């Protein structure tokens, strides 16, 4: 994936595992993170109350949670293109 150096400016929590993400280039995307929430770091995000603790880290320009979980802003920007491959990778991590 070619890095575009996109930054997340703000988020709205829509429902369980879904966010509306506002990027610094004016783009707004609705992203369902549920397909990739596997493994020690991301599994806790399946808990609705924990998921709602998401904030934007202005320095990193992305979304973070209290346990250190985050997502590359370029991945979030191109989510529809990469979610299937990322989900497959995360499921493999969970199985090992």
N, C-alpha and C. Protein backbone atom coordinates (compact mmCIF):
# COMPACT_ATOMS: atom_id res chain seq x y z
N UNK A 1 0.84 -1.17 0.00
CA UNK A 1 0.00 0.00 0.00
C UNK A 1 0.89 1.24 0.00
N UNK A 2 0.62 2.14 -0.89
CA UNK A 2 1.37 3.39 -0.96
C UNK A 2 0.84 4.33 0.10
N UNK A 3 1.76 4.88 0.92
CA UNK A 3 1.35 5.79 1.99
C UNK A 3 1.05 7.17 1.43
N UNK A 4 -0.10 7.69 1.83
CA UNK A 4 -0.54 8.99 1.35
C UNK A 4 -0.39 10.05 2.44
N UNK A 5 -0.01 9.63 3.64
CA UNK A 5 0.14 10.53 4.78
C UNK A 5 -1.15 11.27 5.10
N UNK A 6 -2.23 10.50 5.07
CA UNK A 6 -3.55 10.99 5.45
C UNK A 6 -3.63 10.99 6.97
N UNK A 7 -4.33 11.96 7.54
CA UNK A 7 -4.53 12.00 8.98
C UNK A 7 -6.02 12.01 9.29
N UNK A 8 -6.36 11.38 10.40
CA UNK A 8 -7.73 11.40 10.91
C UNK A 8 -7.88 12.66 11.76
N UNK A 9 -8.91 13.44 11.47
CA UNK A 9 -9.17 14.66 12.24
C UNK A 9 -10.21 14.46 13.34
N UNK A 10 -11.22 13.63 13.05
CA UNK A 10 -12.31 13.44 14.00
C UNK A 10 -13.04 12.14 13.68
N UNK A 11 -13.81 11.67 14.66
CA UNK A 11 -14.63 10.47 14.47
C UNK A 11 -15.98 10.66 15.12
N UNK A 12 -16.96 9.94 14.60
CA UNK A 12 -18.26 9.76 15.25
C UNK A 12 -18.41 8.26 15.45
N UNK A 13 -18.79 7.84 16.62
CA UNK A 13 -19.06 6.42 16.86
C UNK A 13 -20.50 6.19 16.45
N UNK A 14 -20.70 5.34 15.44
CA UNK A 14 -22.03 5.12 14.87
C UNK A 14 -22.80 4.05 15.61
N UNK A 15 -22.19 2.90 15.77
CA UNK A 15 -22.78 1.80 16.50
C UNK A 15 -21.66 0.84 16.83
N UNK A 16 -22.02 -0.34 17.26
CA UNK A 16 -21.00 -1.30 17.67
C UNK A 16 -20.06 -1.62 16.51
N UNK A 17 -18.81 -1.27 16.68
CA UNK A 17 -17.72 -1.55 15.73
C UNK A 17 -17.70 -0.65 14.49
N UNK A 18 -18.54 0.35 14.42
CA UNK A 18 -18.57 1.23 13.24
C UNK A 18 -18.31 2.69 13.63
N UNK A 19 -17.55 3.35 12.76
CA UNK A 19 -17.18 4.74 12.97
C UNK A 19 -17.40 5.54 11.70
N UNK A 20 -17.69 6.81 11.86
CA UNK A 20 -17.59 7.76 10.76
C UNK A 20 -16.26 8.48 10.99
N UNK A 21 -15.39 8.44 9.97
CA UNK A 21 -14.04 8.97 10.11
C UNK A 21 -13.88 10.17 9.18
N UNK A 22 -13.40 11.26 9.75
CA UNK A 22 -13.17 12.51 9.01
C UNK A 22 -11.66 12.66 8.79
N UNK A 23 -11.25 12.72 7.53
CA UNK A 23 -9.84 12.81 7.19
C UNK A 23 -9.46 14.25 6.86
N UNK A 24 -8.15 14.52 6.93
CA UNK A 24 -7.66 15.89 6.74
C UNK A 24 -7.78 16.40 5.30
N UNK A 25 -8.11 15.54 4.36
CA UNK A 25 -8.29 15.99 2.98
C UNK A 25 -9.77 16.24 2.64
N UNK A 26 -10.62 16.21 3.67
CA UNK A 26 -12.04 16.46 3.48
C UNK A 26 -12.89 15.22 3.26
N UNK A 27 -12.27 14.08 3.11
CA UNK A 27 -13.00 12.83 2.91
C UNK A 27 -13.62 12.36 4.22
N UNK A 28 -14.82 11.80 4.12
CA UNK A 28 -15.50 11.21 5.27
C UNK A 28 -15.88 9.79 4.87
N UNK A 29 -15.54 8.83 5.71
CA UNK A 29 -15.86 7.43 5.41
C UNK A 29 -16.53 6.78 6.63
N UNK A 30 -17.47 5.89 6.35
CA UNK A 30 -18.05 5.05 7.40
C UNK A 30 -17.34 3.71 7.33
N UNK A 31 -16.79 3.30 8.47
CA UNK A 31 -15.94 2.11 8.51
C UNK A 31 -16.45 1.16 9.59
N UNK A 32 -16.68 -0.09 9.20
CA UNK A 32 -17.03 -1.15 10.14
C UNK A 32 -15.76 -1.93 10.44
N UNK A 33 -15.26 -1.83 11.66
CA UNK A 33 -14.02 -2.49 12.04
C UNK A 33 -14.21 -3.95 12.45
N UNK A 34 -15.45 -4.39 12.63
CA UNK A 34 -15.73 -5.72 13.15
C UNK A 34 -14.98 -6.85 12.45
N UNK A 35 -14.82 -6.84 11.12
CA UNK A 35 -14.15 -7.97 10.47
C UNK A 35 -12.70 -8.19 10.89
N UNK A 36 -12.06 -7.20 11.51
CA UNK A 36 -10.63 -7.34 11.84
C UNK A 36 -10.37 -7.39 13.35
N UNK A 37 -11.40 -7.45 14.15
CA UNK A 37 -11.22 -7.38 15.60
C UNK A 37 -10.92 -8.76 16.19
N UNK A 38 -9.71 -9.22 15.93
CA UNK A 38 -9.21 -10.50 16.44
C UNK A 38 -7.88 -10.26 17.12
N UNK A 39 -7.51 -11.18 17.96
CA UNK A 39 -6.21 -11.11 18.60
C UNK A 39 -6.25 -10.32 19.90
N UNK A 40 -5.18 -10.42 20.64
CA UNK A 40 -5.08 -9.83 21.97
C UNK A 40 -5.32 -8.32 21.98
N UNK A 41 -4.83 -7.64 20.96
CA UNK A 41 -4.93 -6.18 20.92
C UNK A 41 -6.30 -5.69 20.47
N UNK A 42 -6.89 -6.35 19.48
CA UNK A 42 -8.12 -5.85 18.87
C UNK A 42 -9.40 -6.50 19.40
N UNK A 43 -9.32 -7.69 19.96
CA UNK A 43 -10.50 -8.38 20.49
C UNK A 43 -11.26 -7.54 21.52
N UNK A 44 -10.59 -6.80 22.42
CA UNK A 44 -11.31 -5.99 23.40
C UNK A 44 -12.23 -4.94 22.76
N UNK A 45 -11.97 -4.55 21.52
CA UNK A 45 -12.79 -3.55 20.85
C UNK A 45 -14.18 -4.09 20.51
N UNK A 46 -14.37 -5.40 20.61
CA UNK A 46 -15.69 -5.99 20.39
C UNK A 46 -16.65 -5.63 21.53
N UNK A 47 -16.10 -5.26 22.69
CA UNK A 47 -16.91 -4.82 23.82
C UNK A 47 -17.40 -3.41 23.52
N UNK A 48 -18.71 -3.24 23.49
CA UNK A 48 -19.31 -1.96 23.07
C UNK A 48 -18.80 -0.79 23.91
N UNK A 49 -18.77 -0.96 25.23
CA UNK A 49 -18.33 0.14 26.09
C UNK A 49 -16.87 0.49 25.84
N UNK A 50 -16.05 -0.52 25.61
CA UNK A 50 -14.63 -0.26 25.34
C UNK A 50 -14.46 0.40 23.97
N UNK A 51 -15.19 -0.09 22.98
CA UNK A 51 -15.11 0.48 21.63
C UNK A 51 -15.41 1.98 21.66
N UNK A 52 -16.38 2.37 22.48
CA UNK A 52 -16.80 3.77 22.56
C UNK A 52 -15.73 4.68 23.20
N UNK A 53 -14.66 4.10 23.70
CA UNK A 53 -13.58 4.89 24.28
C UNK A 53 -12.57 5.35 23.23
N UNK A 54 -12.87 5.12 21.98
CA UNK A 54 -11.99 5.55 20.89
C UNK A 54 -11.82 7.06 20.90
N UNK A 55 -10.59 7.50 20.66
CA UNK A 55 -10.30 8.93 20.54
C UNK A 55 -9.35 9.12 19.36
N UNK A 56 -9.24 10.35 18.90
CA UNK A 56 -8.28 10.68 17.86
C UNK A 56 -7.00 11.17 18.54
N UNK A 57 -5.90 10.52 18.21
CA UNK A 57 -4.58 10.98 18.67
C UNK A 57 -4.10 12.00 17.64
N UNK A 58 -4.13 13.27 18.02
CA UNK A 58 -3.78 14.35 17.08
C UNK A 58 -2.34 14.23 16.59
N UNK A 59 -1.44 13.78 17.45
CA UNK A 59 -0.04 13.66 17.06
C UNK A 59 0.16 12.56 16.02
N UNK A 60 -0.47 11.41 16.25
CA UNK A 60 -0.35 10.29 15.32
C UNK A 60 -1.30 10.41 14.14
N UNK A 61 -2.35 11.21 14.30
CA UNK A 61 -3.31 11.39 13.22
C UNK A 61 -4.17 10.17 12.96
N UNK A 62 -4.47 9.43 14.03
CA UNK A 62 -5.30 8.25 13.86
C UNK A 62 -6.15 8.00 15.10
N UNK A 63 -6.92 6.91 15.06
CA UNK A 63 -7.81 6.53 16.14
C UNK A 63 -7.06 5.58 17.08
N UNK A 64 -7.23 5.80 18.39
CA UNK A 64 -6.58 4.94 19.38
C UNK A 64 -7.57 4.58 20.48
N UNK A 65 -7.26 3.49 21.18
CA UNK A 65 -8.04 3.03 22.33
C UNK A 65 -7.11 2.94 23.53
N UNK A 66 -7.67 2.88 24.74
CA UNK A 66 -6.84 2.87 25.95
C UNK A 66 -5.85 1.71 26.04
N UNK A 67 -6.11 0.60 25.38
CA UNK A 67 -5.20 -0.55 25.44
C UNK A 67 -4.06 -0.46 24.43
N UNK A 68 -4.00 0.64 23.67
CA UNK A 68 -2.94 0.80 22.67
C UNK A 68 -3.33 0.40 21.27
N UNK A 69 -4.52 -0.14 21.09
CA UNK A 69 -4.99 -0.50 19.75
C UNK A 69 -5.13 0.76 18.91
N UNK A 70 -4.71 0.66 17.67
CA UNK A 70 -4.87 1.76 16.72
C UNK A 70 -4.87 1.18 15.31
N UNK A 71 -5.13 2.03 14.34
CA UNK A 71 -5.12 1.62 12.95
C UNK A 71 -4.37 2.67 12.14
N UNK A 72 -3.58 2.21 11.19
CA UNK A 72 -2.87 3.11 10.29
C UNK A 72 -3.90 3.96 9.56
N UNK A 73 -3.74 5.29 9.57
CA UNK A 73 -4.73 6.13 8.91
C UNK A 73 -4.85 5.88 7.41
N UNK A 74 -3.75 5.46 6.76
CA UNK A 74 -3.83 5.12 5.33
C UNK A 74 -4.70 3.89 5.12
N UNK A 75 -4.60 2.92 6.04
CA UNK A 75 -5.45 1.73 5.96
C UNK A 75 -6.91 2.12 6.13
N UNK A 76 -7.20 2.98 7.09
CA UNK A 76 -8.58 3.43 7.29
C UNK A 76 -9.09 4.15 6.06
N UNK A 77 -8.25 4.97 5.45
CA UNK A 77 -8.65 5.74 4.27
C UNK A 77 -9.03 4.81 3.11
N UNK A 78 -8.26 3.74 2.94
CA UNK A 78 -8.49 2.80 1.83
C UNK A 78 -9.15 1.51 2.34
N UNK A 79 -9.96 1.61 3.38
CA UNK A 79 -10.53 0.46 4.07
C UNK A 79 -11.20 -0.54 3.12
N UNK A 80 -12.06 -0.08 2.25
CA UNK A 80 -12.78 -0.99 1.38
C UNK A 80 -11.86 -1.81 0.49
N UNK A 81 -10.73 -1.27 0.13
CA UNK A 81 -9.77 -1.97 -0.72
C UNK A 81 -9.00 -3.04 0.04
N UNK A 82 -8.83 -2.87 1.35
CA UNK A 82 -7.91 -3.73 2.10
C UNK A 82 -8.54 -4.54 3.23
N UNK A 83 -9.80 -4.29 3.54
CA UNK A 83 -10.40 -4.94 4.70
C UNK A 83 -10.41 -6.46 4.59
N UNK A 84 -10.68 -7.01 3.43
CA UNK A 84 -10.74 -8.47 3.29
C UNK A 84 -9.38 -9.11 3.58
N UNK A 85 -8.32 -8.57 3.02
CA UNK A 85 -6.97 -9.12 3.25
C UNK A 85 -6.57 -8.93 4.71
N UNK A 86 -6.87 -7.78 5.29
CA UNK A 86 -6.52 -7.52 6.68
C UNK A 86 -7.30 -8.47 7.60
N UNK A 87 -8.57 -8.68 7.32
CA UNK A 87 -9.39 -9.58 8.13
C UNK A 87 -8.85 -11.01 8.06
N UNK A 88 -8.46 -11.44 6.88
CA UNK A 88 -7.88 -12.78 6.72
C UNK A 88 -6.62 -12.91 7.56
N UNK A 89 -5.77 -11.91 7.51
CA UNK A 89 -4.53 -11.92 8.28
C UNK A 89 -4.82 -11.96 9.78
N UNK A 90 -5.77 -11.18 10.24
CA UNK A 90 -6.09 -11.13 11.66
C UNK A 90 -6.69 -12.45 12.13
N UNK A 91 -7.51 -13.10 11.32
CA UNK A 91 -8.07 -14.40 11.69
C UNK A 91 -6.96 -15.45 11.82
N UNK A 92 -5.95 -15.38 10.95
CA UNK A 92 -4.81 -16.30 11.04
C UNK A 92 -4.04 -16.09 12.32
N UNK A 93 -3.87 -14.85 12.74
CA UNK A 93 -3.19 -14.54 13.99
C UNK A 93 -3.99 -15.15 15.15
N UNK A 94 -5.30 -15.02 15.11
CA UNK A 94 -6.15 -15.53 16.16
C UNK A 94 -6.04 -17.05 16.27
N UNK A 95 -5.89 -17.74 15.13
CA UNK A 95 -5.83 -19.19 15.12
C UNK A 95 -4.48 -19.74 15.56
N UNK A 96 -3.45 -18.93 15.51
CA UNK A 96 -2.12 -19.44 15.89
C UNK A 96 -1.85 -19.34 17.36
